[in-house]
Amino acid sequence: MDVQPLYDRILVKRFPEEHKAPGGLLIPDSAEQEPNEGRVIAIGKGEPLHEANVHGLAVALGDRVRFTKGSGTELRIAGQLHLILREDDVLAIVG
């Protein structure tokens, strides 16, 4: 399935969850939260402004981003979970 986000929306593929804490302890499934970091795999053309101008996006394809928890709409593509979210939900581009 080919997905092209509209306007100021981006398509993000979440990174897989880590099942160990930094100290090496295993984290039970019931205590885990969904990751709020992923890779941008598609972007919209930007937010429409007055007189047919478009405000471009600050994120680019391939950027690693952190986003707010609970944001976006989940979408399953080829069996993998993705998110479509607004650029406003992106907190940072991680280098």
C-alpha atoms as a PDB file:
ATOM      1  CA  MET A   1       0.000   0.000   0.000  1.00  0.00           C
ATOM      2  CA  ASP A   2       1.371   3.414  -0.965  1.00  0.00           C
ATOM      3  CA  VAL A   3       0.491   6.171   1.532  1.00  0.00           C
ATOM      4  CA  GLN A   4       1.042   9.878   0.857  1.00  0.00           C
ATOM      5  CA  PRO A   5       0.264  12.149   3.839  1.00  0.00           C
ATOM      6  CA  LEU A   6      -1.595  15.364   3.096  1.00  0.00           C
ATOM      7  CA  TYR A   7      -0.668  18.929   4.045  1.00  0.00           C
ATOM      8  CA  ASP A   8       1.352  19.154   7.293  1.00  0.00           C
ATOM      9  CA  ARG A   9       1.094  15.464   8.166  1.00  0.00           C
ATOM     10  CA  ILE A  10       3.922  12.943   8.237  1.00  0.00           C
ATOM     11  CA  LEU A  11       4.083   9.145   8.179  1.00  0.00           C
ATOM     12  CA  VAL A  12       6.342   7.690  10.871  1.00  0.00           C
ATOM     13  CA  LYS A  13       7.477   4.116  11.378  1.00  0.00           C
ATOM     14  CA  ARG A  14       7.967   3.496  15.074  1.00  0.00           C
ATOM     15  CA  PHE A  15      11.222   1.975  16.247  1.00  0.00           C
ATOM     16  CA  PRO A  16      10.903  -1.463  17.829  1.00  0.00           C
ATOM     17  CA  GLU A  17      10.449  -1.515  21.574  1.00  0.00           C
ATOM     18  CA  GLU A  18      13.393  -2.368  23.779  1.00  0.00           C
ATOM     19  CA  HIS A  19      12.578  -5.028  26.321  1.00  0.00           C
ATOM     20  CA  LYS A  20      15.475  -4.265  28.695  1.00  0.00           C
ATOM     21  CA  ALA A  21      16.062  -1.324  30.971  1.00  0.00           C
ATOM     22  CA  PRO A  22      19.451   0.447  30.692  1.00  0.00           C
ATOM     23  CA  GLY A  23      20.679  -1.585  33.686  1.00  0.00           C
ATOM     24  CA  GLY A  24      19.862  -4.848  31.905  1.00  0.00           C
ATOM     25  CA  LEU A  25      16.648  -5.633  33.775  1.00  0.00           C
ATOM     26  CA  LEU A  26      13.862  -7.213  31.759  1.00  0.00           C
ATOM     27  CA  ILE A  27      10.704  -5.122  31.574  1.00  0.00           C
ATOM     28  CA  PRO A  28       7.410  -7.045  31.718  1.00  0.00           C
ATOM     29  CA  ASP A  29       5.017  -6.512  28.806  1.00  0.00           C
ATOM     30  CA  SER A  30       2.386  -5.031  31.135  1.00  0.00           C
ATOM     31  CA  ALA A  31       4.754  -2.194  32.151  1.00  0.00           C
ATOM     32  CA  GLU A  32       5.902  -1.271  28.664  1.00  0.00           C
ATOM     33  CA  GLN A  33       4.659   1.778  26.833  1.00  0.00           C
ATOM     34  CA  GLU A  34       4.569   2.334  23.108  1.00  0.00           C
ATOM     35  CA  PRO A  35       7.719   4.022  21.849  1.00  0.00           C
ATOM     36  CA  ASN A  36       7.440   7.697  21.008  1.00  0.00           C
ATOM     37  CA  GLU A  37      10.327   7.723  18.573  1.00  0.00           C
ATOM     38  CA  GLY A  38      10.480   6.712  14.929  1.00  0.00           C
ATOM     39  CA  ARG A  39      11.706   7.380  11.398  1.00  0.00           C
ATOM     40  CA  VAL A  40       9.905   9.680   8.934  1.00  0.00           C
ATOM     41  CA  ILE A  41       9.080   7.666   5.816  1.00  0.00           C
ATOM     42  CA  ALA A  42       6.714  10.069   4.019  1.00  0.00           C
ATOM     43  CA  ILE A  43       5.763  13.736   4.327  1.00  0.00           C
ATOM     44  CA  GLY A  44       2.989  15.969   3.057  1.00  0.00           C
ATOM     45  CA  LYS A  45       3.612  19.019   0.880  1.00  0.00           C
ATOM     46  CA  GLY A  46       3.119  21.516   3.726  1.00  0.00           C
ATOM     47  CA  GLU A  47       0.436  23.592   5.373  1.00  0.00           C
ATOM     48  CA  PRO A  48      -1.581  25.687   2.923  1.00  0.00           C
ATOM     49  CA  LEU A  49      -1.443  29.446   3.543  1.00  0.00           C
ATOM     50  CA  HIS A  50      -3.289  32.367   1.970  1.00  0.00           C
ATOM     51  CA  GLU A  51      -2.985  33.054  -1.778  1.00  0.00           C
ATOM     52  CA  ALA A  52      -1.875  29.525  -2.736  1.00  0.00           C
ATOM     53  CA  ASN A  53       1.386  29.692  -0.752  1.00  0.00           C
ATOM     54  CA  VAL A  54       2.526  26.659   1.208  1.00  0.00           C
ATOM     55  CA  HIS A  55       4.531  26.635   4.429  1.00  0.00           C
ATOM     56  CA  GLY A  56       7.099  23.821   4.066  1.00  0.00           C
ATOM     57  CA  LEU A  57       7.803  21.226   6.735  1.00  0.00           C
ATOM     58  CA  ALA A  58      10.806  21.272   9.078  1.00  0.00           C
ATOM     59  CA  VAL A  59      11.157  17.479   8.983  1.00  0.00           C
ATOM     60  CA  ALA A  60      12.525  15.553   6.025  1.00  0.00           C
ATOM     61  CA  LEU A  61      12.414  11.969   4.824  1.00  0.00           C
ATOM     62  CA  GLY A  62      14.617   9.731   6.922  1.00  0.00           C
ATOM     63  CA  ASP A  63      14.691  12.012   9.984  1.00  0.00           C
ATOM     64  CA  ARG A  64      14.599  10.319  13.371  1.00  0.00           C
ATOM     65  CA  VAL A  65      11.925  12.123  15.396  1.00  0.00           C
ATOM     66  CA  ARG A  66      10.418  12.137  18.897  1.00  0.00           C
ATOM     67  CA  PHE A  67       6.712  12.849  19.153  1.00  0.00           C
ATOM     68  CA  THR A  68       4.134  13.339  21.882  1.00  0.00           C
ATOM     69  CA  LYS A  69       2.643  10.236  23.451  1.00  0.00           C
ATOM     70  CA  GLY A  70      -0.852   9.380  22.276  1.00  0.00           C
ATOM     71  CA  SER A  71      -0.581  11.542  19.175  1.00  0.00           C
ATOM     72  CA  GLY A  72      -1.416  10.581  15.629  1.00  0.00           C
ATOM     73  CA  THR A  73      -3.498   7.900  14.006  1.00  0.00           C
ATOM     74  CA  GLU A  74      -2.248   4.333  13.846  1.00  0.00           C
ATOM     75  CA  LEU A  75      -2.065   2.697  10.433  1.00  0.00           C
ATOM     76  CA  ARG A  76      -0.959  -0.840   9.623  1.00  0.00           C
ATOM     77  CA  ILE A  77       1.070  -1.117   6.413  1.00  0.00           C
ATOM     78  CA  ALA A  78       2.370  -4.535   5.333  1.00  0.00           C
ATOM     79  CA  GLY A  79       1.787  -5.850   8.843  1.00  0.00           C
ATOM     80  CA  GLN A  80       3.828  -3.108  10.550  1.00  0.00           C
ATOM     81  CA  LEU A  81       2.431  -0.357  12.720  1.00  0.00           C
ATOM     82  CA  HIS A  82       2.909   3.224  11.499  1.00  0.00           C
ATOM     83  CA  LEU A  83       1.585   6.593  12.636  1.00  0.00           C
ATOM     84  CA  ILE A  84       0.237   9.514  10.674  1.00  0.00           C
ATOM     85  CA  LEU A  85       0.687  12.652  12.720  1.00  0.00           C
ATOM     86  CA  ARG A  86       0.807  16.400  12.313  1.00  0.00           C
ATOM     87  CA  GLU A  87       4.162  18.120  12.273  1.00  0.00           C
ATOM     88  CA  ASP A  88       3.013  19.991  15.413  1.00  0.00           C
ATOM     89  CA  ASP A  89       3.125  16.657  17.304  1.00  0.00           C
ATOM     90  CA  VAL A  90       6.859  16.289  16.595  1.00  0.00           C
ATOM     91  CA  LEU A  91       8.885  17.429  19.605  1.00  0.00           C
ATOM     92  CA  ALA A  92      12.392  17.078  18.149  1.00  0.00           C
ATOM     93  CA  ILE A  93      14.539  15.747  15.368  1.00  0.00           C
ATOM     94  CA  VAL A  94      17.042  13.378  16.978  1.00  0.00           C
ATOM     95  CA  GLY A  95      20.529  13.416  15.485  1.00  0.00           C
END
